[in-house]
Amino acid sequence: MPEYSHFQKLADGLPEPLMLVSQEGYVETVNRAAAAHLGQSADALAYRPLTELIANPPDQIHDYLRRWARTRNPLPATLRFKETAKELRGWRCQGFRFGGVAERGWARVVIR
């Protein structure tokens, strides 16, 4: 994931879980803390749809992503991550746009 190496270097140094997600809803990369919380490697999480990792209804997930993609100011949400097949864990999160908007009009979103 060389295009995310700068983000990865900064994010891996932080103790809080961080995910870089496309506005379309795919994980682009996560830091070590997020991988540890989810019990998977960063490589295993990359390019997976959020709907596989989060138990919230897909429409709600995509609504959060659309709202977060429009601002650099963190907006709150509660996401229920599927940490194991039987366990759900609610995370109070904030999301915001990372960088500029891509050519197709899509943005990347950081979830923390």
PDB file of N, CA and C in Angstrom:
ATOM      1  N   MET A   1       0.818  -1.181   0.000  1.00  0.00           N
ATOM      2  CA  MET A   1       0.000   0.000   0.000  1.00  0.00           C
ATOM      3  C   MET A   1       0.864   1.248   0.000  1.00  0.00           C
ATOM      4  N   PRO A   2       1.719   1.412  -0.976  1.00  0.00           N
ATOM      5  CA  PRO A   2       2.639   2.554  -0.964  1.00  0.00           C
ATOM      6  C   PRO A   2       1.948   3.900  -0.987  1.00  0.00           C
ATOM      7  N   GLU A   3       0.777   4.031  -1.620  1.00  0.00           N
ATOM      8  CA  GLU A   3       0.110   5.331  -1.680  1.00  0.00           C
ATOM      9  C   GLU A   3      -0.378   5.796  -0.311  1.00  0.00           C
ATOM     10  N   TYR A   4      -0.436   4.894   0.664  1.00  0.00           N
ATOM     11  CA  TYR A   4      -0.887   5.247   2.004  1.00  0.00           C
ATOM     12  C   TYR A   4       0.256   5.233   3.003  1.00  0.00           C
ATOM     13  N   SER A   5       1.490   5.123   2.552  1.00  0.00           N
ATOM     14  CA  SER A   5       2.602   4.933   3.474  1.00  0.00           C
ATOM     15  C   SER A   5       2.754   6.099   4.446  1.00  0.00           C
ATOM     16  N   HIS A   6       2.536   7.326   3.996  1.00  0.00           N
ATOM     17  CA  HIS A   6       2.648   8.483   4.891  1.00  0.00           C
ATOM     18  C   HIS A   6       1.582   8.403   5.985  1.00  0.00           C
ATOM     19  N   PHE A   7       0.337   8.137   5.596  1.00  0.00           N
ATOM     20  CA  PHE A   7      -0.740   7.975   6.575  1.00  0.00           C
ATOM     21  C   PHE A   7      -0.389   6.838   7.532  1.00  0.00           C
ATOM     22  N   GLN A   8       0.076   5.717   6.984  1.00  0.00           N
ATOM     23  CA  GLN A   8       0.379   4.537   7.791  1.00  0.00           C
ATOM     24  C   GLN A   8       1.452   4.828   8.828  1.00  0.00           C
ATOM     25  N   LYS A   9       2.502   5.533   8.435  1.00  0.00           N
ATOM     26  CA  LYS A   9       3.575   5.852   9.374  1.00  0.00           C
ATOM     27  C   LYS A   9       3.066   6.699  10.529  1.00  0.00           C
ATOM     28  N   LEU A  10       2.260   7.697  10.224  1.00  0.00           N
ATOM     29  CA  LEU A  10       1.696   8.554  11.278  1.00  0.00           C
ATOM     30  C   LEU A  10       0.704   7.788  12.146  1.00  0.00           C
ATOM     31  N   ALA A  11      -0.184   7.049  11.516  1.00  0.00           N
ATOM     32  CA  ALA A  11      -1.262   6.355  12.234  1.00  0.00           C
ATOM     33  C   ALA A  11      -0.730   5.242  13.127  1.00  0.00           C
ATOM     34  N   ASP A  12       0.301   4.524  12.675  1.00  0.00           N
ATOM     35  CA  ASP A  12       0.838   3.423  13.479  1.00  0.00           C
ATOM     36  C   ASP A  12       1.463   3.904  14.776  1.00  0.00           C
ATOM     37  N   GLY A  13       1.856   5.156  14.837  1.00  0.00           N
ATOM     38  CA  GLY A  13       2.435   5.701  16.056  1.00  0.00           C
ATOM     39  C   GLY A  13       1.406   6.132  17.089  1.00  0.00           C
ATOM     40  N   LEU A  14       0.133   6.069  16.735  1.00  0.00           N
ATOM     41  CA  LEU A  14      -0.922   6.510  17.650  1.00  0.00           C
ATOM     42  C   LEU A  14      -1.567   5.322  18.362  1.00  0.00           C
ATOM     43  N   PRO A  15      -1.955   5.514  19.628  1.00  0.00           N
ATOM     44  CA  PRO A  15      -2.563   4.406  20.371  1.00  0.00           C
ATOM     45  C   PRO A  15      -4.033   4.155  20.027  1.00  0.00           C
ATOM     46  N   GLU A  16      -4.699   5.130  19.399  1.00  0.00           N
ATOM     47  CA  GLU A  16      -6.110   4.957  19.088  1.00  0.00           C
ATOM     48  C   GLU A  16      -6.296   4.261  17.740  1.00  0.00           C
ATOM     49  N   PRO A  17      -7.336   3.434  17.610  1.00  0.00           N
ATOM     50  CA  PRO A  17      -7.595   2.766  16.337  1.00  0.00           C
ATOM     51  C   PRO A  17      -7.988   3.780  15.258  1.00  0.00           C
ATOM     52  N   LEU A  18      -7.380   3.654  14.085  1.00  0.00           N
ATOM     53  CA  LEU A  18      -7.693   4.506  12.940  1.00  0.00           C
ATOM     54  C   LEU A  18      -7.863   3.644  11.697  1.00  0.00           C
ATOM     55  N   MET A  19      -8.851   3.988  10.894  1.00  0.00           N
ATOM     56  CA  MET A  19      -9.088   3.319   9.619  1.00  0.00           C
ATOM     57  C   MET A  19      -9.164   4.379   8.532  1.00  0.00           C
ATOM     58  N   LEU A  20      -8.547   4.121   7.397  1.00  0.00           N
ATOM     59  CA  LEU A  20      -8.697   4.962   6.217  1.00  0.00           C
ATOM     60  C   LEU A  20      -9.618   4.185   5.276  1.00  0.00           C
ATOM     61  N   VAL A  21     -10.750   4.809   4.939  1.00  0.00           N
ATOM     62  CA  VAL A  21     -11.818   4.123   4.208  1.00  0.00           C
ATOM     63  C   VAL A  21     -12.201   4.944   2.988  1.00  0.00           C
ATOM     64  N   SER A  22     -12.496   4.260   1.895  1.00  0.00           N
ATOM     65  CA  SER A  22     -13.000   4.973   0.720  1.00  0.00           C
ATOM     66  C   SER A  22     -14.448   5.361   0.981  1.00  0.00           C
ATOM     67  N   GLN A  23     -14.901   6.405   0.323  1.00  0.00           N
ATOM     68  CA  GLN A  23     -16.295   6.816   0.499  1.00  0.00           C
ATOM     69  C   GLN A  23     -17.241   5.729   0.007  1.00  0.00           C
ATOM     70  N   GLU A  24     -16.747   4.852  -0.868  1.00  0.00           N
ATOM     71  CA  GLU A  24     -17.555   3.738  -1.357  1.00  0.00           C
ATOM     72  C   GLU A  24     -17.749   2.669  -0.286  1.00  0.00           C
ATOM     73  N   GLY A  25     -16.960   2.740   0.806  1.00  0.00           N
ATOM     74  CA  GLY A  25     -17.148   1.828   1.921  1.00  0.00           C
ATOM     75  C   GLY A  25     -16.153   0.693   2.007  1.00  0.00           C
ATOM     76  N   TYR A  26     -14.970   0.850   1.406  1.00  0.00           N
ATOM     77  CA  TYR A  26     -13.936  -0.182   1.479  1.00  0.00           C
ATOM     78  C   TYR A  26     -12.771   0.293   2.326  1.00  0.00           C
ATOM     79  N   VAL A  27     -12.276  -0.582   3.187  1.00  0.00           N
ATOM     80  CA  VAL A  27     -11.113  -0.267   4.014  1.00  0.00           C
ATOM     81  C   VAL A  27      -9.907  -0.158   3.098  1.00  0.00           C
ATOM     82  N   GLU A  28      -9.178   0.935   3.205  1.00  0.00           N
ATOM     83  CA  GLU A  28      -7.951   1.084   2.434  1.00  0.00           C
ATOM     84  C   GLU A  28      -6.750   0.671   3.267  1.00  0.00           C
ATOM     85  N   THR A  29      -6.721   1.090   4.512  1.00  0.00           N
ATOM     86  CA  THR A  29      -5.664   0.671   5.433  1.00  0.00           C
ATOM     87  C   THR A  29      -6.126   0.961   6.859  1.00  0.00           C
ATOM     88  N   VAL A  30      -5.492   0.318   7.818  1.00  0.00           N
ATOM     89  CA  VAL A  30      -5.761   0.540   9.243  1.00  0.00           C
ATOM     90  C   VAL A  30      -4.422   0.635   9.958  1.00  0.00           C
ATOM     91  N   ASN A  31      -4.429   1.253  11.123  1.00  0.00           N
ATOM     92  CA  ASN A  31      -3.202   1.273  11.913  1.00  0.00           C
ATOM     93  C   ASN A  31      -3.139   0.031  12.803  1.00  0.00           C
ATOM     94  N   ARG A  32      -2.021  -0.113  13.499  1.00  0.00           N
ATOM     95  CA  ARG A  32      -1.821  -1.306  14.343  1.00  0.00           C
ATOM     96  C   ARG A  32      -2.889  -1.435  15.420  1.00  0.00           C
ATOM     97  N   ALA A  33      -3.289  -0.306  16.015  1.00  0.00           N
ATOM     98  CA  ALA A  33      -4.289  -0.349  17.085  1.00  0.00           C
ATOM     99  C   ALA A  33      -5.634  -0.867  16.568  1.00  0.00           C
ATOM    100  N   ALA A  34      -6.054  -0.436  15.392  1.00  0.00           N
ATOM    101  CA  ALA A  34      -7.317  -0.925  14.823  1.00  0.00           C
ATOM    102  C   ALA A  34      -7.225  -2.408  14.501  1.00  0.00           C
ATOM    103  N   ALA A  35      -6.109  -2.828  13.931  1.00  0.00           N
ATOM    104  CA  ALA A  35      -5.924  -4.246  13.620  1.00  0.00           C
ATOM    105  C   ALA A  35      -5.995  -5.083  14.895  1.00  0.00           C
ATOM    106  N   ALA A  36      -5.356  -4.612  15.964  1.00  0.00           N
ATOM    107  CA  ALA A  36      -5.371  -5.347  17.232  1.00  0.00           C
ATOM    108  C   ALA A  36      -6.783  -5.422  17.806  1.00  0.00           C
ATOM    109  N   HIS A  37      -7.526  -4.316  17.755  1.00  0.00           N
ATOM    110  CA  HIS A  37      -8.891  -4.307  18.281  1.00  0.00           C
ATOM    111  C   HIS A  37      -9.792  -5.255  17.506  1.00  0.00           C
ATOM    112  N   LEU A  38      -9.553  -5.372  16.213  1.00  0.00           N
ATOM    113  CA  LEU A  38     -10.381  -6.235  15.383  1.00  0.00           C
ATOM    114  C   LEU A  38      -9.847  -7.661  15.297  1.00  0.00           C
ATOM    115  N   GLY A  39      -8.671  -7.907  15.871  1.00  0.00           N
ATOM    116  CA  GLY A  39      -8.121  -9.251  15.911  1.00  0.00           C
ATOM    117  C   GLY A  39      -7.680  -9.784  14.559  1.00  0.00           C
ATOM    118  N   GLN A  40      -7.305  -8.871  13.653  1.00  0.00           N
ATOM    119  CA  GLN A  40      -6.856  -9.270  12.324  1.00  0.00           C
ATOM    120  C   GLN A  40      -5.676  -8.405  11.927  1.00  0.00           C
ATOM    121  N   SER A  41      -4.913  -8.886  10.967  1.00  0.00           N
ATOM    122  CA  SER A  41      -3.791  -8.091  10.482  1.00  0.00           C
ATOM    123  C   SER A  41      -4.300  -6.958   9.600  1.00  0.00           C
ATOM    124  N   ALA A  42      -3.487  -5.934   9.468  1.00  0.00           N
ATOM    125  CA  ALA A  42      -3.841  -4.814   8.582  1.00  0.00           C
ATOM    126  C   ALA A  42      -4.027  -5.312   7.154  1.00  0.00           C
ATOM    127  N   ASP A  43      -3.192  -6.244   6.720  1.00  0.00           N
ATOM    128  CA  ASP A  43      -3.326  -6.788   5.363  1.00  0.00           C
ATOM    129  C   ASP A  43      -4.645  -7.527   5.174  1.00  0.00           C
ATOM    130  N   ALA A  44      -5.094  -8.243   6.207  1.00  0.00           N
ATOM    131  CA  ALA A  44      -6.361  -8.976   6.110  1.00  0.00           C
ATOM    132  C   ALA A  44      -7.559  -8.034   6.070  1.00  0.00           C
ATOM    133  N   LEU A  45      -7.421  -6.855   6.656  1.00  0.00           N
ATOM    134  CA  LEU A  45      -8.517  -5.891   6.682  1.00  0.00           C
ATOM    135  C   LEU A  45      -8.573  -5.020   5.430  1.00  0.00           C
ATOM    136  N   ALA A  46      -7.439  -4.849   4.762  1.00  0.00           N
ATOM    137  CA  ALA A  46      -7.371  -3.965   3.590  1.00  0.00           C
ATOM    138  C   ALA A  46      -8.284  -4.463   2.475  1.00  0.00           C
ATOM    139  N   TYR A  47      -8.972  -3.518   1.867  1.00  0.00           N
ATOM    140  CA  TYR A  47      -9.855  -3.729   0.712  1.00  0.00           C
ATOM    141  C   TYR A  47     -11.120  -4.516   1.033  1.00  0.00           C
ATOM    142  N   ARG A  48     -11.420  -4.698   2.304  1.00  0.00           N
ATOM    143  CA  ARG A  48     -12.671  -5.361   2.686  1.00  0.00           C
ATOM    144  C   ARG A  48     -13.770  -4.314   2.808  1.00  0.00           C
ATOM    145  N   PRO A  49     -14.988  -4.673   2.453  1.00  0.00           N
ATOM    146  CA  PRO A  49     -16.093  -3.726   2.645  1.00  0.00           C
ATOM    147  C   PRO A  49     -16.407  -3.559   4.132  1.00  0.00           C
ATOM    148  N   LEU A  50     -16.725  -2.343   4.531  1.00  0.00           N
ATOM    149  CA  LEU A  50     -17.090  -2.100   5.931  1.00  0.00           C
ATOM    150  C   LEU A  50     -18.272  -2.943   6.363  1.00  0.00           C
ATOM    151  N   THR A  51     -19.161  -3.263   5.438  1.00  0.00           N
ATOM    152  CA  THR A  51     -20.345  -4.057   5.786  1.00  0.00           C
ATOM    153  C   THR A  51     -19.972  -5.455   6.281  1.00  0.00           C
ATOM    154  N   GLU A  52     -18.768  -5.927   5.977  1.00  0.00           N
ATOM    155  CA  GLU A  52     -18.301  -7.205   6.516  1.00  0.00           C
ATOM    156  C   GLU A  52     -17.772  -7.059   7.934  1.00  0.00           C
ATOM    157  N   LEU A  53     -17.410  -5.852   8.315  1.00  0.00           N
ATOM    158  CA  LEU A  53     -16.780  -5.611   9.614  1.00  0.00           C
ATOM    159  C   LEU A  53     -17.702  -4.946  10.619  1.00  0.00           C
ATOM    160  N   ILE A  54     -18.757  -4.314  10.129  1.00  0.00           N
ATOM    161  CA  ILE A  54     -19.653  -3.526  10.978  1.00  0.00           C
ATOM    162  C   ILE A  54     -21.065  -4.089  10.881  1.00  0.00           C
ATOM    163  N   ALA A  55     -21.727  -4.222  12.034  1.00  0.00           N
ATOM    164  CA  ALA A  55     -23.067  -4.796  12.084  1.00  0.00           C
ATOM    165  C   ALA A  55     -24.178  -3.767  11.866  1.00  0.00           C
ATOM    166  N   ASN A  56     -23.849  -2.492  11.851  1.00  0.00           N
ATOM    167  CA  ASN A  56     -24.870  -1.473  11.572  1.00  0.00           C
ATOM    168  C   ASN A  56     -25.485  -1.765  10.202  1.00  0.00           C
ATOM    169  N   PRO A  57     -26.732  -1.336   9.971  1.00  0.00           N
ATOM    170  CA  PRO A  57     -27.341  -1.514   8.651  1.00  0.00           C
ATOM    171  C   PRO A  57     -26.510  -0.832   7.562  1.00  0.00           C
ATOM    172  N   PRO A  58     -26.356  -1.473   6.398  1.00  0.00           N
ATOM    173  CA  PRO A  58     -25.539  -0.887   5.318  1.00  0.00           C
ATOM    174  C   PRO A  58     -25.933   0.540   4.947  1.00  0.00           C
ATOM    175  N   ASP A  59     -27.227   0.841   4.936  1.00  0.00           N
ATOM    176  CA  ASP A  59     -27.659   2.204   4.608  1.00  0.00           C
ATOM    177  C   ASP A  59     -27.131   3.214   5.626  1.00  0.00           C
ATOM    178  N   GLN A  60     -27.096   2.826   6.887  1.00  0.00           N
ATOM    179  CA  GLN A  60     -26.585   3.717   7.929  1.00  0.00           C
ATOM    180  C   GLN A  60     -25.081   3.929   7.763  1.00  0.00           C
ATOM    181  N   ILE A  61     -24.352   2.865   7.453  1.00  0.00           N
ATOM    182  CA  ILE A  61     -22.905   2.974   7.235  1.00  0.00           C
ATOM    183  C   ILE A  61     -22.626   3.942   6.089  1.00  0.00           C
ATOM    184  N   HIS A  62     -23.328   3.774   4.974  1.00  0.00           N
ATOM    185  CA  HIS A  62     -23.095   4.637   3.813  1.00  0.00           C
ATOM    186  C   HIS A  62     -23.527   6.081   4.077  1.00  0.00           C
ATOM    187  N   ASP A  63     -24.561   6.268   4.910  1.00  0.00           N
ATOM    188  CA  ASP A  63     -24.954   7.626   5.298  1.00  0.00           C
ATOM    189  C   ASP A  63     -23.847   8.287   6.105  1.00  0.00           C
ATOM    190  N   TYR A  64     -23.270   7.561   7.067  1.00  0.00           N
ATOM    191  CA  TYR A  64     -22.137   8.101   7.827  1.00  0.00           C
ATOM    192  C   TYR A  64     -20.993   8.479   6.884  1.00  0.00           C
ATOM    193  N   LEU A  65     -20.664   7.595   5.958  1.00  0.00           N
ATOM    194  CA  LEU A  65     -19.552   7.867   5.036  1.00  0.00           C
ATOM    195  C   LEU A  65     -19.813   9.116   4.204  1.00  0.00           C
ATOM    196  N   ARG A  66     -21.029   9.280   3.721  1.00  0.00           N
ATOM    197  CA  ARG A  66     -21.362  10.480   2.930  1.00  0.00           C
ATOM    198  C   ARG A  66     -21.208  11.740   3.777  1.00  0.00           C
ATOM    199  N   ARG A  67     -21.698  11.715   5.018  1.00  0.00           N
ATOM    200  CA  ARG A  67     -21.576  12.890   5.895  1.00  0.00           C
ATOM    201  C   ARG A  67     -20.118  13.185   6.209  1.00  0.00           C
ATOM    202  N   TRP A  68     -19.357  12.145   6.540  1.00  0.00           N
ATOM    203  CA  TRP A  68     -17.952  12.346   6.892  1.00  0.00           C
ATOM    204  C   TRP A  68     -17.149  12.869   5.706  1.00  0.00           C
ATOM    205  N   ALA A  69     -17.487  12.424   4.501  1.00  0.00           N
ATOM    206  CA  ALA A  69     -16.728  12.818   3.306  1.00  0.00           C
ATOM    207  C   ALA A  69     -16.897  14.295   2.963  1.00  0.00           C
ATOM    208  N   ARG A  70     -17.896  14.931   3.536  1.00  0.00           N
ATOM    209  CA  ARG A  70     -18.156  16.338   3.225  1.00  0.00           C
ATOM    210  C   ARG A  70     -17.456  17.315   4.159  1.00  0.00           C
ATOM    211  N   THR A  71     -16.757  16.816   5.177  1.00  0.00           N
ATOM    212  CA  THR A  71     -16.177  17.739   6.144  1.00  0.00           C
ATOM    213  C   THR A  71     -14.835  17.246   6.666  1.00  0.00           C
ATOM    214  N   ARG A  72     -14.007  18.193   7.046  1.00  0.00           N
ATOM    215  CA  ARG A  72     -12.759  17.853   7.732  1.00  0.00           C
ATOM    216  C   ARG A  72     -12.940  17.938   9.251  1.00  0.00           C
ATOM    217  N   ASN A  73     -14.121  18.362   9.685  1.00  0.00           N
ATOM    218  CA  ASN A  73     -14.420  18.425  11.112  1.00  0.00           C
ATOM    219  C   ASN A  73     -14.966  17.075  11.557  1.00  0.00           C
ATOM    220  N   PRO A  74     -14.403  16.481  12.600  1.00  0.00           N
ATOM    221  CA  PRO A  74     -14.881  15.164  13.050  1.00  0.00           C
ATOM    222  C   PRO A  74     -16.357  15.188  13.440  1.00  0.00           C
ATOM    223  N   LEU A  75     -17.103  14.218  12.906  1.00  0.00           N
ATOM    224  CA  LEU A  75     -18.515  14.043  13.236  1.00  0.00           C
ATOM    225  C   LEU A  75     -18.679  12.713  13.960  1.00  0.00           C
ATOM    226  N   PRO A  76     -19.487  12.681  15.031  1.00  0.00           N
ATOM    227  CA  PRO A  76     -19.612  11.462  15.831  1.00  0.00           C
ATOM    228  C   PRO A  76     -20.545  10.417  15.210  1.00  0.00           C
ATOM    229  N   ALA A  77     -20.342   9.183  15.618  1.00  0.00           N
ATOM    230  CA  ALA A  77     -21.204   8.060  15.242  1.00  0.00           C
ATOM    231  C   ALA A  77     -20.912   6.921  16.215  1.00  0.00           C
ATOM    232  N   THR A  78     -21.796   5.943  16.248  1.00  0.00           N
ATOM    233  CA  THR A  78     -21.542   4.713  16.983  1.00  0.00           C
ATOM    234  C   THR A  78     -21.612   3.573  15.986  1.00  0.00           C
ATOM    235  N   LEU A  79     -20.509   2.839  15.876  1.00  0.00           N
ATOM    236  CA  LEU A  79     -20.442   1.705  14.964  1.00  0.00           C
ATOM    237  C   LEU A  79     -20.282   0.436  15.786  1.00  0.00           C
ATOM    238  N   ARG A  80     -20.992  -0.606  15.399  1.00  0.00           N
ATOM    239  CA  ARG A  80     -20.906  -1.896  16.086  1.00  0.00           C
ATOM    240  C   ARG A  80     -20.026  -2.823  15.248  1.00  0.00           C
ATOM    241  N   PHE A  81     -18.766  -2.941  15.663  1.00  0.00           N
ATOM    242  CA  PHE A  81     -17.817  -3.775  14.939  1.00  0.00           C
ATOM    243  C   PHE A  81     -18.008  -5.236  15.309  1.00  0.00           C
ATOM    244  N   LYS A  82     -17.909  -6.093  14.310  1.00  0.00           N
ATOM    245  CA  LYS A  82     -17.974  -7.543  14.501  1.00  0.00           C
ATOM    246  C   LYS A  82     -16.560  -8.007  14.821  1.00  0.00           C
ATOM    247  N   GLU A  83     -16.276  -8.184  16.102  1.00  0.00           N
ATOM    248  CA  GLU A  83     -14.917  -8.573  16.482  1.00  0.00           C
ATOM    249  C   GLU A  83     -14.723 -10.075  16.423  1.00  0.00           C
ATOM    250  N   THR A  84     -15.753 -10.818  16.685  1.00  0.00           N
ATOM    251  CA  THR A  84     -15.723 -12.271  16.509  1.00  0.00           C
ATOM    252  C   THR A  84     -17.086 -12.652  15.952  1.00  0.00           C
ATOM    253  N   ALA A  85     -17.253 -13.904  15.642  1.00  0.00           N
ATOM    254  CA  ALA A  85     -18.524 -14.358  15.080  1.00  0.00           C
ATOM    255  C   ALA A  85     -19.686 -14.141  16.056  1.00  0.00           C
ATOM    256  N   LYS A  86     -19.410 -14.144  17.355  1.00  0.00           N
ATOM    257  CA  LYS A  86     -20.477 -14.047  18.350  1.00  0.00           C
ATOM    258  C   LYS A  86     -20.539 -12.704  19.055  1.00  0.00           C
ATOM    259  N   GLU A  87     -19.480 -11.951  19.000  1.00  0.00           N
ATOM    260  CA  GLU A  87     -19.387 -10.727  19.799  1.00  0.00           C
ATOM    261  C   GLU A  87     -19.494  -9.482  18.925  1.00  0.00           C
ATOM    262  N   LEU A  88     -20.292  -8.543  19.391  1.00  0.00           N
ATOM    263  CA  LEU A  88     -20.362  -7.225  18.759  1.00  0.00           C
ATOM    264  C   LEU A  88     -19.853  -6.221  19.782  1.00  0.00           C
ATOM    265  N   ARG A  89     -19.091  -5.267  19.311  1.00  0.00           N
ATOM    266  CA  ARG A  89     -18.582  -4.243  20.220  1.00  0.00           C
ATOM    267  C   ARG A  89     -18.887  -2.876  19.642  1.00  0.00           C
ATOM    268  N   GLY A  90     -19.600  -2.057  20.393  1.00  0.00           N
ATOM    269  CA  GLY A  90     -19.914  -0.713  19.941  1.00  0.00           C
ATOM    270  C   GLY A  90     -18.736   0.221  20.157  1.00  0.00           C
ATOM    271  N   TRP A  91     -18.376   0.940  19.137  1.00  0.00           N
ATOM    272  CA  TRP A  91     -17.315   1.939  19.225  1.00  0.00           C
ATOM    273  C   TRP A  91     -17.924   3.298  18.981  1.00  0.00           C
ATOM    274  N   ARG A  92     -17.661   4.216  19.889  1.00  0.00           N
ATOM    275  CA  ARG A  92     -18.004   5.617  19.617  1.00  0.00           C
ATOM    276  C   ARG A  92     -16.903   6.129  18.716  1.00  0.00           C
ATOM    277  N   CYS A  93     -17.289   6.549  17.552  1.00  0.00           N
ATOM    278  CA  CYS A  93     -16.323   6.935  16.529  1.00  0.00           C
ATOM    279  C   CYS A  93     -16.522   8.378  16.101  1.00  0.00           C
ATOM    280  N   GLN A  94     -15.523   8.874  15.414  1.00  0.00           N
ATOM    281  CA  GLN A  94     -15.615  10.135  14.699  1.00  0.00           C
ATOM    282  C   GLN A  94     -15.065   9.876  13.311  1.00  0.00           C
ATOM    283  N   GLY A  95     -15.650  10.528  12.346  1.00  0.00           N
ATOM    284  CA  GLY A  95     -15.159  10.395  10.984  1.00  0.00           C
ATOM    285  C   GLY A  95     -15.007  11.759  10.349  1.00  0.00           C
ATOM    286  N   PHE A  96     -14.074  11.860   9.401  1.00  0.00           N
ATOM    287  CA  PHE A  96     -13.850  13.114   8.687  1.00  0.00           C
ATOM    288  C   PHE A  96     -13.102  12.821   7.398  1.00  0.00           C
ATOM    289  N   ARG A  97     -13.187  13.758   6.463  1.00  0.00           N
ATOM    290  CA  ARG A  97     -12.512  13.611   5.172  1.00  0.00           C
ATOM    291  C   ARG A  97     -11.004  13.716   5.353  1.00  0.00           C
ATOM    292  N   PHE A  98     -10.299  12.868   4.640  1.00  0.00           N
ATOM    293  CA  PHE A  98      -8.835  12.872   4.648  1.00  0.00           C
ATOM    294  C   PHE A  98      -8.365  13.288   3.268  1.00  0.00           C
ATOM    295  N   GLY A  99      -7.605  14.368   3.203  1.00  0.00           N
ATOM    296  CA  GLY A  99      -7.092  14.836   1.920  1.00  0.00           C
ATOM    297  C   GLY A  99      -8.185  15.463   1.075  1.00  0.00           C
ATOM    298  N   GLY A 100      -7.903  15.566  -0.202  1.00  0.00           N
ATOM    299  CA  GLY A 100      -8.856  16.168  -1.127  1.00  0.00           C
ATOM    300  C   GLY A 100      -9.845  15.149  -1.668  1.00  0.00           C
ATOM    301  N   VAL A 101     -10.635  15.595  -2.604  1.00  0.00           N
ATOM    302  CA  VAL A 101     -11.622  14.729  -3.240  1.00  0.00           C
ATOM    303  C   VAL A 101     -10.989  14.170  -4.516  1.00  0.00           C
ATOM    304  N   ALA A 102     -11.164  12.877  -4.749  1.00  0.00           N
ATOM    305  CA  ALA A 102     -10.589  12.217  -5.921  1.00  0.00           C
ATOM    306  C   ALA A 102     -11.279  12.676  -7.199  1.00  0.00           C
ATOM    307  N   GLU A 103     -10.695  12.309  -8.334  1.00  0.00           N
ATOM    308  CA  GLU A 103     -11.227  12.724  -9.634  1.00  0.00           C
ATOM    309  C   GLU A 103     -12.698  12.347  -9.825  1.00  0.00           C
ATOM    310  N   ARG A 104     -13.088  11.188  -9.337  1.00  0.00           N
ATOM    311  CA  ARG A 104     -14.476  10.741  -9.504  1.00  0.00           C
ATOM    312  C   ARG A 104     -15.419  11.433  -8.527  1.00  0.00           C
ATOM    313  N   GLY A 105     -14.898  12.332  -7.720  1.00  0.00           N
ATOM    314  CA  GLY A 105     -15.737  13.009  -6.750  1.00  0.00           C
ATOM    315  C   GLY A 105     -15.826  12.271  -5.423  1.00  0.00           C
ATOM    316  N   TRP A 106     -15.047  11.184  -5.262  1.00  0.00           N
ATOM    317  CA  TRP A 106     -15.059  10.414  -4.029  1.00  0.00           C
ATOM    318  C   TRP A 106     -13.985  10.922  -3.093  1.00  0.00           C
ATOM    319  N   ALA A 107     -14.204  10.770  -1.825  1.00  0.00           N
ATOM    320  CA  ALA A 107     -13.242  11.187  -0.817  1.00  0.00           C
ATOM    321  C   ALA A 107     -12.822   9.996   0.022  1.00  0.00           C
ATOM    322  N   ARG A 108     -11.684  10.115   0.666  1.00  0.00           N
ATOM    323  CA  ARG A 108     -11.266   9.130   1.667  1.00  0.00           C
ATOM    324  C   ARG A 108     -11.705   9.664   3.026  1.00  0.00           C
ATOM    325  N   VAL A 109     -12.044   8.738   3.910  1.00  0.00           N
ATOM    326  CA  VAL A 109     -12.550   9.099   5.226  1.00  0.00           C
ATOM    327  C   VAL A 109     -11.702   8.399   6.284  1.00  0.00           C
ATOM    328  N   VAL A 110     -11.367   9.136   7.337  1.00  0.00           N
ATOM    329  CA  VAL A 110     -10.692   8.538   8.487  1.00  0.00           C
ATOM    330  C   VAL A 110     -11.753   8.281   9.538  1.00  0.00           C
ATOM    331  N   ILE A 111     -11.753   7.058  10.064  1.00  0.00           N
ATOM    332  CA  ILE A 111     -12.635   6.713  11.186  1.00  0.00           C
ATOM    333  C   ILE A 111     -11.725   6.473  12.378  1.00  0.00           C
ATOM    334  N   ARG A 112     -12.019   7.191  13.448  1.00  0.00           N
ATOM    335  CA  ARG A 112     -11.215   7.030  14.669  1.00  0.00           C
ATOM    336  C   ARG A 112     -12.118   6.779  15.846  1.00  0.00           C
TER     337      ARG A 112
END
